[in-house]
Protein backbone atom coordinates (compact mmCIF):
# COMPACT_ATOMS: atom_id res chain seq x y z
CA UNK A 1 16.82 28.90 -44.74
CA UNK A 2 15.35 27.14 -41.82
CA UNK A 3 13.02 24.02 -42.45
CA UNK A 4 11.03 24.91 -39.42
CA UNK A 5 7.22 24.83 -40.06
CA UNK A 6 5.17 26.49 -37.25
CA UNK A 7 2.51 24.36 -35.55
CA UNK A 8 -1.08 25.24 -36.41
CA UNK A 9 -3.57 24.38 -33.82
CA UNK A 10 -7.00 23.34 -35.11
CA UNK A 11 -10.20 23.14 -33.13
CA UNK A 12 -13.59 21.61 -33.57
CA UNK A 13 -15.28 24.09 -31.41
CA UNK A 14 -18.06 22.97 -29.13
CA UNK A 15 -17.57 19.40 -30.20
CA UNK A 16 -14.24 19.14 -28.36
CA UNK A 17 -13.86 18.05 -24.73
CA UNK A 18 -12.64 20.86 -22.43
CA UNK A 19 -11.17 20.62 -18.91
CA UNK A 20 -13.66 20.25 -16.08
CA UNK A 21 -13.06 23.73 -14.83
CA UNK A 22 -14.26 25.13 -18.25
CA UNK A 23 -17.09 22.72 -18.79
CA UNK A 24 -20.70 23.64 -17.96
CA UNK A 25 -22.19 21.30 -15.31
CA UNK A 26 -24.91 20.08 -17.59
CA UNK A 27 -22.61 19.33 -20.37
CA UNK A 28 -20.26 17.49 -17.90
CA UNK A 29 -23.25 15.29 -16.83
CA UNK A 30 -24.20 14.76 -20.42
CA UNK A 31 -20.73 13.53 -21.19
CA UNK A 32 -20.94 11.17 -18.28
CA UNK A 33 -24.34 9.93 -19.15
CA UNK A 34 -25.75 11.04 -15.88
CA UNK A 35 -28.05 13.64 -17.43
CA UNK A 36 -30.35 10.78 -18.43
CA UNK A 37 -31.21 10.21 -14.77
CA UNK A 38 -32.02 13.87 -14.01
CA UNK A 39 -35.64 15.21 -13.90
CA UNK A 40 -36.49 17.79 -16.41
CA UNK A 41 -35.55 21.34 -15.64
CA UNK A 42 -33.33 20.48 -12.78
CA UNK A 43 -30.65 22.96 -11.75
CA UNK A 44 -27.15 21.37 -11.21
CA UNK A 45 -24.65 22.64 -8.64
CA UNK A 46 -21.18 21.74 -9.77
CA UNK A 47 -20.23 21.09 -6.11
CA UNK A 48 -22.81 18.24 -5.95
CA UNK A 49 -21.03 16.40 -8.81
CA UNK A 50 -19.37 13.17 -8.17
CA UNK A 51 -15.75 13.58 -9.44
CA UNK A 52 -13.44 10.67 -8.93
CA UNK A 53 -10.31 12.62 -9.41
CA UNK A 54 -9.12 16.19 -9.40
CA UNK A 55 -8.39 17.94 -12.61
CA UNK A 56 -4.69 17.97 -11.81
CA UNK A 57 -4.72 14.16 -11.61
CA UNK A 58 -6.39 13.63 -15.08
CA UNK A 59 -5.42 14.15 -18.64
CA UNK A 60 -7.38 14.50 -21.86
CA UNK A 61 -6.02 12.51 -24.93
CA UNK A 62 -7.16 11.89 -28.44
CA UNK A 63 -7.97 8.47 -29.83
CA UNK A 64 -8.20 9.03 -33.55
CA UNK A 65 -9.07 10.38 -36.07
CA UNK A 66 -6.28 8.33 -37.65
CA UNK A 67 -6.68 5.39 -35.29
CA UNK A 68 -7.28 2.16 -37.32
CA UNK A 69 -9.75 0.78 -34.86
CA UNK A 70 -12.17 3.75 -34.98
CA UNK A 71 -13.76 2.26 -38.07
CA UNK A 72 -13.26 5.41 -40.17
CA UNK A 73 -12.32 8.91 -39.39
CA UNK A 74 -13.79 9.21 -35.89
CA UNK A 75 -12.06 11.08 -33.13
CA UNK A 76 -12.77 10.20 -29.49
CA UNK A 77 -11.53 12.49 -26.77
CA UNK A 78 -10.88 10.63 -23.57
CA UNK A 79 -10.31 12.14 -20.00
CA UNK A 80 -8.20 9.60 -18.11
CA UNK A 81 -7.37 8.95 -14.52
CA UNK A 82 -4.41 6.59 -15.12
CA UNK A 83 -5.94 3.96 -17.41
CA UNK A 84 -9.49 4.66 -16.28
CA UNK A 85 -11.87 6.51 -18.62
CA UNK A 86 -13.70 9.20 -16.70
CA UNK A 87 -15.19 11.00 -19.66
CA UNK A 88 -15.35 10.51 -23.44
CA UNK A 89 -16.70 12.52 -26.29
CA UNK A 90 -16.96 11.46 -29.94
CA UNK A 91 -15.94 14.25 -32.30
CA UNK A 92 -17.17 13.74 -35.83
CA UNK A 93 -17.18 15.50 -39.16
CA UNK A 94 -13.92 14.52 -40.48
CA UNK A 95 -15.32 12.65 -43.62
CA UNK A 96 -17.43 15.83 -44.57
CA UNK A 97 -19.26 14.23 -47.53
CA UNK A 98 -22.29 16.42 -47.32
CA UNK A 99 -24.38 13.98 -49.27
CA UNK A 100 -27.72 15.28 -47.86
CA UNK A 101 -27.07 18.83 -49.14
CA UNK A 102 -25.77 17.39 -52.31
CA UNK A 103 -29.02 15.39 -52.91
CA UNK A 104 -30.89 18.66 -52.89
CA UNK A 105 -29.02 19.63 -56.02
CA UNK A 106 -29.56 16.17 -57.68
CA UNK A 107 -32.74 14.76 -59.35
CA UNK A 108 -34.66 12.04 -57.88
CA UNK A 109 -33.49 9.71 -60.62
CA UNK A 110 -29.89 10.42 -59.46
CA UNK A 111 -30.75 9.85 -55.78
CA UNK A 112 -29.81 6.13 -55.45
CA UNK A 113 -26.31 6.83 -56.84
CA UNK A 114 -25.73 9.46 -54.07
CA UNK A 115 -27.41 7.83 -50.99
CA UNK A 116 -25.84 4.32 -51.76
CA UNK A 117 -22.53 5.73 -50.60
CA UNK A 118 -23.76 6.82 -47.19
CA UNK A 119 -23.51 3.80 -44.98
CA UNK A 120 -21.31 1.92 -47.42
CA UNK A 121 -21.84 -1.30 -45.84
CA UNK A 122 -25.58 -1.08 -46.10
CA UNK A 123 -25.89 0.11 -49.65
CA UNK A 124 -29.23 -1.52 -50.56
CA UNK A 125 -30.94 -0.20 -47.42
CA UNK A 126 -29.95 3.35 -48.26
CA UNK A 127 -31.22 2.91 -51.86
CA UNK A 128 -34.31 1.35 -50.49
CA UNK A 129 -35.37 3.88 -47.89
CA UNK A 130 -34.73 6.76 -50.45
CA UNK A 131 -36.72 5.06 -53.21
CA UNK A 132 -39.57 4.32 -50.83
CA UNK A 133 -39.74 7.92 -49.74
CA UNK A 134 -39.89 9.13 -53.38
CA UNK A 135 -42.56 6.49 -54.19
CA UNK A 136 -44.65 7.53 -51.20
CA UNK A 137 -44.71 11.12 -52.36
CA UNK A 138 -45.44 10.05 -55.91
CA UNK A 139 -48.21 7.77 -54.85
CA UNK A 140 -46.64 4.88 -56.93
CA UNK A 141 -47.28 1.22 -55.96
CA UNK A 142 -44.27 -0.88 -56.55
CA UNK A 143 -44.91 -4.38 -58.07
CA UNK A 144 -44.85 -7.13 -55.72
CA UNK A 145 -41.81 -8.96 -57.34
CA UNK A 146 -39.85 -5.72 -57.00
CA UNK A 147 -40.57 -5.52 -53.26
CA UNK A 148 -39.64 -9.19 -52.77
CA UNK A 149 -36.41 -8.56 -54.67
CA UNK A 150 -35.58 -5.62 -52.44
CA UNK A 151 -36.20 -7.89 -49.31
CA UNK A 152 -33.88 -10.40 -50.65
CA UNK A 153 -31.12 -7.94 -51.49
CA UNK A 154 -31.44 -6.24 -48.15
CA UNK A 155 -31.41 -9.37 -46.01
CA UNK A 156 -28.35 -10.64 -47.84
CA UNK A 157 -26.86 -7.17 -47.31
CA UNK A 158 -27.47 -7.55 -43.58
CA UNK A 159 -25.57 -10.80 -43.67
CA UNK A 160 -22.66 -9.21 -45.39
CA UNK A 161 -22.57 -6.27 -43.04
CA UNK A 162 -22.58 -8.48 -40.04
CA UNK A 163 -19.88 -10.69 -41.55
CA UNK A 164 -17.73 -7.67 -41.80
CA UNK A 165 -18.45 -6.83 -38.21
CA UNK A 166 -17.37 -10.32 -37.24
CA UNK A 167 -14.12 -9.76 -39.13
CA UNK A 168 -13.24 -6.24 -37.83
CA UNK A 169 -14.51 -6.91 -34.26
CA UNK A 170 -12.34 -10.05 -33.88
CA UNK A 171 -9.28 -8.13 -35.40
CA UNK A 172 -9.98 -5.19 -32.82
CA UNK A 173 -10.10 -7.57 -29.87
CA UNK A 174 -6.91 -9.72 -31.09
CA UNK A 175 -8.69 -12.59 -32.84
CA UNK A 176 -6.78 -11.92 -36.02
CA UNK A 177 -7.96 -15.08 -37.74
CA UNK A 178 -11.50 -13.88 -37.60
CA UNK A 179 -10.56 -11.20 -40.09
CA UNK A 180 -9.79 -13.75 -42.71
CA UNK A 181 -12.71 -15.92 -42.05
CA UNK A 182 -15.25 -12.96 -42.00
CA UNK A 183 -13.83 -11.62 -45.13
CA UNK A 184 -14.05 -15.14 -46.74
CA UNK A 185 -17.77 -15.60 -46.09
CA UNK A 186 -18.57 -12.04 -47.09
CA UNK A 187 -17.01 -12.67 -50.50
CA UNK A 188 -19.56 -15.37 -51.17
CA UNK A 189 -22.41 -12.82 -50.64
CA UNK A 190 -20.68 -10.09 -52.76
CA UNK A 191 -20.33 -12.56 -55.60
CA UNK A 192 -24.12 -12.73 -55.73
CA UNK A 193 -24.51 -9.07 -55.57
CA UNK A 194 -22.04 -8.66 -58.46
CA UNK A 195 -23.95 -11.22 -60.47
CA UNK A 196 -27.16 -9.32 -60.04
CA UNK A 197 -25.91 -5.53 -60.17
CA UNK A 198 -22.56 -5.98 -61.93
CA UNK A 199 -20.84 -4.21 -58.93
CA UNK A 200 -19.58 -5.15 -55.43
CA UNK A 201 -20.33 -1.86 -53.80
CA UNK A 202 -22.40 1.35 -54.36
CA UNK A 203 -24.92 -0.59 -56.49
CA UNK A 204 -27.51 2.03 -57.73
CA UNK A 205 -29.76 -1.08 -57.87
CA UNK A 206 -32.86 -0.14 -55.98
CA UNK A 207 -34.47 2.89 -57.69
CA UNK A 208 -37.76 4.79 -57.43
CA UNK A 209 -40.42 2.44 -59.00
CA UNK A 210 -38.54 -0.92 -58.37
CA UNK A 211 -35.01 -2.19 -59.22
CA UNK A 212 -32.68 -1.59 -62.06
CA UNK A 213 -32.90 -5.08 -63.51
CA UNK A 214 -34.51 -8.43 -62.92
CA UNK A 215 -32.69 -11.18 -61.06
CA UNK A 216 -30.47 -13.29 -63.50
CA UNK A 217 -31.14 -16.82 -64.44
CA UNK A 218 -30.08 -19.30 -61.95
CA UNK A 219 -30.40 -16.82 -58.95
CA UNK A 220 -32.36 -19.37 -56.97
CA UNK A 221 -29.53 -21.92 -56.94
CA UNK A 222 -26.97 -19.11 -56.19
CA UNK A 223 -28.95 -17.92 -53.13
CA UNK A 224 -29.72 -21.39 -51.80
CA UNK A 225 -25.95 -22.30 -52.11
CA UNK A 226 -25.30 -19.22 -49.90
CA UNK A 227 -27.85 -20.32 -47.40
CA UNK A 228 -26.22 -23.74 -47.22
CA UNK A 229 -22.55 -22.51 -47.17
CA UNK A 230 -22.76 -19.77 -44.44
CA UNK A 231 -24.53 -21.44 -41.40
CA UNK A 232 -21.78 -23.98 -40.90
CA UNK A 233 -19.16 -21.15 -40.97
CA UNK A 234 -21.30 -19.34 -38.30
CA UNK A 235 -20.97 -22.43 -36.16
CA UNK A 236 -17.31 -22.08 -36.57
CA UNK A 237 -17.44 -18.50 -35.32
CA UNK A 238 -19.28 -19.86 -32.22
CA UNK A 239 -16.32 -22.33 -31.53
CA UNK A 240 -13.69 -19.68 -32.39
CA UNK A 241 -15.10 -16.75 -30.41
CA UNK A 242 -18.12 -17.58 -28.39
CA UNK A 243 -16.42 -20.40 -26.52
CA UNK A 244 -12.99 -18.52 -26.28
CA UNK A 245 -12.23 -17.52 -22.79
CA UNK A 246 -9.91 -14.59 -23.81
CA UNK A 247 -12.56 -13.24 -26.08
CA UNK A 248 -15.17 -13.49 -23.34
CA UNK A 249 -12.94 -11.73 -20.93
CA UNK A 250 -12.37 -8.89 -23.41
CA UNK A 251 -16.15 -8.43 -24.10
CA UNK A 252 -18.19 -9.71 -21.11
CA UNK A 253 -19.20 -6.75 -18.83
CA UNK A 254 -17.39 -4.34 -21.12
CA UNK A 255 -19.26 -1.26 -22.50
CA UNK A 256 -22.57 -1.99 -20.53
CA UNK A 257 -25.64 0.03 -21.30
CA UNK A 258 -29.09 -0.34 -20.00
CA UNK A 259 -32.27 -0.42 -22.03
CA UNK A 260 -33.46 2.85 -20.45
CA UNK A 261 -30.22 4.68 -21.37
CA UNK A 262 -30.31 3.13 -24.94
CA UNK A 263 -33.81 4.35 -25.54
CA UNK A 264 -33.07 7.86 -24.05
CA UNK A 265 -30.15 8.12 -26.54
CA UNK A 266 -32.26 6.94 -29.48
CA UNK A 267 -30.08 3.90 -29.99
CA UNK A 268 -31.60 1.17 -32.19
CA UNK A 269 -30.66 -2.05 -33.87
CA UNK A 270 -28.28 -4.56 -32.14
CA UNK A 271 -27.09 -1.96 -29.70
CA UNK A 272 -30.62 -1.47 -28.42
CA UNK A 273 -31.78 -5.24 -28.68
CA UNK A 274 -28.54 -6.20 -26.78
CA UNK A 275 -29.94 -4.70 -23.55
CA UNK A 276 -33.08 -6.86 -23.76
CA UNK A 277 -35.36 -4.47 -25.54
CA UNK A 278 -37.18 -6.37 -28.20
CA UNK A 279 -37.62 -3.75 -30.98
CA UNK A 280 -37.34 -4.48 -34.71
CA UNK A 281 -39.20 -2.38 -37.36
CA UNK A 282 -39.72 -5.47 -39.43
CA UNK A 283 -41.80 -7.10 -36.85
CA UNK A 284 -43.14 -4.19 -34.74
CA UNK A 285 -43.95 -1.78 -37.66
CA UNK A 286 -44.16 -4.28 -40.61
CA UNK A 287 -43.27 -2.93 -44.04
CA UNK A 288 -42.98 -4.56 -47.46
CA UNK A 289 -43.90 -8.21 -47.07
CA UNK A 290 -42.19 -8.84 -43.74
CA UNK A 291 -45.41 -9.80 -42.25
CA UNK A 292 -45.52 -12.76 -44.56
CA UNK A 293 -42.23 -14.33 -43.42
CA UNK A 294 -41.29 -16.00 -40.13
CA UNK A 295 -38.26 -14.87 -38.16
CA UNK A 296 -37.27 -14.28 -34.52
CA UNK A 297 -35.99 -10.94 -33.08
CA UNK A 298 -32.73 -11.60 -31.36
CA UNK A 299 -32.18 -9.90 -28.02
CA UNK A 300 -29.56 -9.94 -25.34
CA UNK A 301 -29.58 -9.60 -21.52
CA UNK A 302 -26.75 -7.41 -20.28
CA UNK A 303 -26.17 -4.85 -22.99
CA UNK A 304 -22.39 -5.44 -23.06
CA UNK A 305 -20.10 -5.92 -26.02
CA UNK A 306 -20.36 -9.69 -25.91
CA UNK A 307 -24.21 -9.27 -26.28
CA UNK A 308 -23.87 -7.00 -29.15
CA UNK A 309 -21.59 -9.55 -30.85
CA UNK A 310 -24.04 -12.51 -30.04
CA UNK A 311 -27.09 -10.55 -31.37
CA UNK A 312 -25.37 -9.93 -34.66
CA UNK A 313 -24.19 -13.45 -34.99
CA UNK A 314 -27.60 -14.87 -34.54
CA UNK A 315 -29.31 -12.20 -36.69
CA UNK A 316 -27.40 -13.61 -39.68
CA UNK A 317 -28.95 -17.01 -39.01
CA UNK A 318 -32.39 -15.27 -39.04
CA UNK A 319 -31.68 -13.37 -42.04
CA UNK A 320 -30.71 -16.51 -44.01
CA UNK A 321 -33.95 -18.04 -42.68
CA UNK A 322 -35.83 -15.21 -44.23
CA UNK A 323 -33.93 -15.40 -47.48
CA UNK A 324 -34.94 -19.14 -47.87
CA UNK A 325 -38.68 -18.09 -47.52
CA UNK A 326 -38.10 -15.17 -50.01
CA UNK A 327 -36.83 -17.74 -52.61
CA UNK A 328 -40.06 -19.88 -52.09
CA UNK A 329 -42.37 -16.89 -52.27
CA UNK A 330 -40.84 -14.82 -55.05
CA UNK A 331 -43.72 -13.99 -57.49
CA UNK A 332 -43.61 -13.67 -61.16
CA UNK A 333 -44.29 -10.28 -62.74
CA UNK A 334 -42.64 -6.85 -63.23
CA UNK A 335 -39.52 -5.77 -61.51
CA UNK A 336 -40.39 -2.09 -61.83
CA UNK A 337 -43.63 -0.10 -62.11
CA UNK A 338 -44.86 0.46 -65.70
CA UNK A 339 -45.38 4.24 -65.43
CA UNK A 340 -43.58 6.10 -68.32
CA UNK A 341 -43.37 9.06 -66.00
CA UNK A 342 -41.01 7.21 -63.71
CA UNK A 343 -39.65 4.19 -65.57
CA UNK A 344 -37.36 4.39 -68.56
CA UNK A 345 -38.30 2.43 -71.60
CA UNK A 346 -36.70 -1.07 -72.13
CA UNK A 347 -33.18 -0.78 -73.53
CA UNK A 348 -34.08 -2.61 -76.79
CA UNK A 349 -36.95 -0.19 -77.50
CA UNK A 350 -34.46 2.77 -77.67
CA UNK A 351 -33.05 1.31 -80.87
CA UNK A 352 -36.45 0.80 -82.41
CA UNK A 353 -38.49 3.66 -81.44
CA UNK A 354 -37.80 7.45 -81.63
CA UNK A 355 -40.44 8.09 -78.99
CA UNK A 356 -38.71 5.71 -76.60
CA UNK A 357 -35.35 7.47 -77.26
CA UNK A 358 -36.83 10.89 -76.51
CA UNK A 359 -38.58 9.50 -73.38
CA UNK A 360 -35.29 8.01 -72.23
CA UNK A 361 -33.36 11.19 -72.92
CA UNK A 362 -35.88 13.49 -71.17
CA UNK A 363 -36.08 11.29 -68.17
CA UNK A 364 -32.44 11.27 -67.50
CA UNK A 365 -31.78 14.95 -68.31
CA UNK A 366 -34.88 16.50 -66.79
CA UNK A 367 -35.99 13.86 -64.42
CA UNK A 368 -39.59 13.37 -63.21
CA UNK A 369 -41.48 15.90 -61.04
CA UNK A 370 -42.73 14.99 -57.63
CA UNK A 371 -45.81 16.61 -56.12
CA UNK A 372 -45.31 18.92 -53.18
CA UNK A 373 -45.36 17.25 -49.85
CA UNK A 374 -43.14 15.63 -47.13
CA UNK A 375 -42.74 12.00 -45.89
CA UNK A 376 -40.77 9.86 -43.51
CA UNK A 377 -40.14 6.25 -43.96
CA UNK A 378 -37.81 3.89 -42.09
CA UNK A 379 -36.38 0.40 -42.60
CA UNK A 380 -34.43 -1.89 -40.17
CA UNK A 381 -30.95 -1.60 -41.35
CA UNK A 382 -27.95 -3.72 -39.94
CA UNK A 383 -27.20 -0.87 -37.45
CA UNK A 384 -30.79 -0.01 -36.56
CA UNK A 385 -33.44 2.34 -37.86
CA UNK A 386 -32.55 3.98 -41.16
CA UNK A 387 -34.95 6.58 -42.03
CA UNK A 388 -35.53 9.07 -44.84
CA UNK A 389 -37.20 12.42 -44.45
CA UNK A 390 -37.99 13.96 -47.83
CA UNK A 391 -39.71 17.22 -48.69
CA UNK A 392 -40.76 17.84 -52.30
CA UNK A 393 -41.63 21.28 -53.78
CA UNK A 394 -43.01 20.10 -57.10
CA UNK A 395 -39.76 20.11 -59.00
CA UNK A 396 -37.50 17.24 -60.15
CA UNK A 397 -35.26 17.79 -57.11
CA UNK A 398 -35.99 17.37 -53.55
CA UNK A 399 -36.31 20.50 -51.41
CA UNK A 400 -34.91 18.68 -48.39
CA UNK A 401 -33.46 15.38 -47.86
CA UNK A 402 -32.39 14.20 -44.41
CA UNK A 403 -31.36 10.68 -43.60
CA UNK A 404 -31.75 9.29 -39.98
CA UNK A 405 -28.56 7.11 -39.91
CA UNK A 406 -28.37 4.53 -37.04
CA UNK A 407 -24.63 4.90 -36.57
CA UNK A 408 -25.06 8.62 -35.90
CA UNK A 409 -27.57 7.98 -33.05
CA UNK A 410 -25.76 4.84 -31.70
CA UNK A 411 -22.49 6.86 -31.29
CA UNK A 412 -24.20 8.96 -28.50
CA UNK A 413 -24.11 5.76 -26.48
CA UNK A 414 -20.35 5.72 -26.48
CA UNK A 415 -19.61 8.14 -23.43
CA UNK A 416 -22.06 5.95 -21.34
CA UNK A 417 -20.42 2.76 -22.34
CA UNK A 418 -16.85 3.92 -21.92
CA UNK A 419 -17.27 5.63 -18.50
CA UNK A 420 -15.45 3.68 -15.78
CA UNK A 421 -13.73 1.34 -18.14
CA UNK A 422 -10.14 1.03 -19.28
CA UNK A 423 -8.41 2.58 -22.25
CA UNK A 424 -7.83 -0.95 -23.54
CA UNK A 425 -11.52 -1.55 -23.55
CA UNK A 426 -12.21 1.50 -25.69
CA UNK A 427 -11.39 -0.17 -28.94
CA UNK A 428 -13.63 -3.19 -28.01
CA UNK A 429 -16.61 -0.81 -27.18
CA UNK A 430 -16.26 1.19 -30.33
CA UNK A 431 -16.11 -1.88 -32.48
CA UNK A 432 -19.18 -3.38 -30.72
CA UNK A 433 -21.22 -0.40 -31.76
CA UNK A 434 -20.23 -1.07 -35.38
CA UNK A 435 -20.31 2.56 -36.52
CA UNK A 436 -19.75 3.42 -40.19
CA UNK A 437 -18.69 6.99 -40.54
CA UNK A 438 -19.88 7.36 -44.15
CA UNK A 439 -23.37 7.27 -42.50
CA UNK A 440 -22.41 9.55 -39.58
CA UNK A 441 -20.81 12.25 -41.67
CA UNK A 442 -23.30 12.23 -44.58
């Protein structure tokens, strides 16, 4: 018998890039980013379009979804004229986790276990935004200590996320030593997360009503040791990368986007701030106790890959500055709300009280009911605005859960950034966006 296996062609439908002759003019302009400059309702004549090369002179190729530099299962289709990128189109959906739909079949008490796996480099932010949405619908006021703990864990999570960006961004551009250094510093932060939660990823620590457990003894010294150890290492990054002519040549003027384009495409976080747009939810729409701490919003000037790197590098310094203030301001008190309808009884009480055992059993088998309503809350995550839209129908499960993930919106900027650049720059540009596909394909 023959070993021949017939080739099966797969298609992602409308997501895929088609040849120019088969592409609608408005879609072509959208892929090129030019649609952002068109007045609303304008009719486009294909003959009026600026086409650098004829269709016979170009080719459409795939980058990914298996490419190691796409930071997950991302497929980017590129139309090339030689080595110049004329058009590009991100094609997503290869991770297909379906976490939002899964959440509609999970109780609210199970929510943090589910959402923490979305943007798996910003776990605490996922848990915090979901818990905050549930608390808003419940009308529950979280104790101050629990809120300060959330701020502490989230700011350290921002540092760990940006450290991994430093590592992978350096590797993508050719600074292979940076992968080792960034990973080394991130381990310091993860060791604290492990001391607090018992885990290094997917923590299920921030829950509706507060946090799962109080901070352990000696946490202040552990945190302050991080604040002392990491800044000198960031100075080393400055020497290794910022002052490196090869790194600057690979990033300066590469993947440029303007503030107007970034805002039109709903970009946020370092991608938006690199263009000079000073927008940070912690300062401009203060939540939790961010109005009681001092920090600067870091912005760039040119909106290129170098600015996006520099913004993240300096954001880590600001986060550590916030963390030091949190240590000083951390109040005493409860780490979770003392509402029996939301909070399980203390573990020790389960062995002593039948009522506590029943309460614990019912809470984790039936959950708590949330009054009908809808809400949207958002936090400033490492990649930008992370929001949670939640609809309750009075049961113990959400009727609708939608996460506004920053990576999903920021990927829309890719065609604008890549247009006119070289294939060799594509890896650097994708890395500078810092997408996490767990959040994109949720």
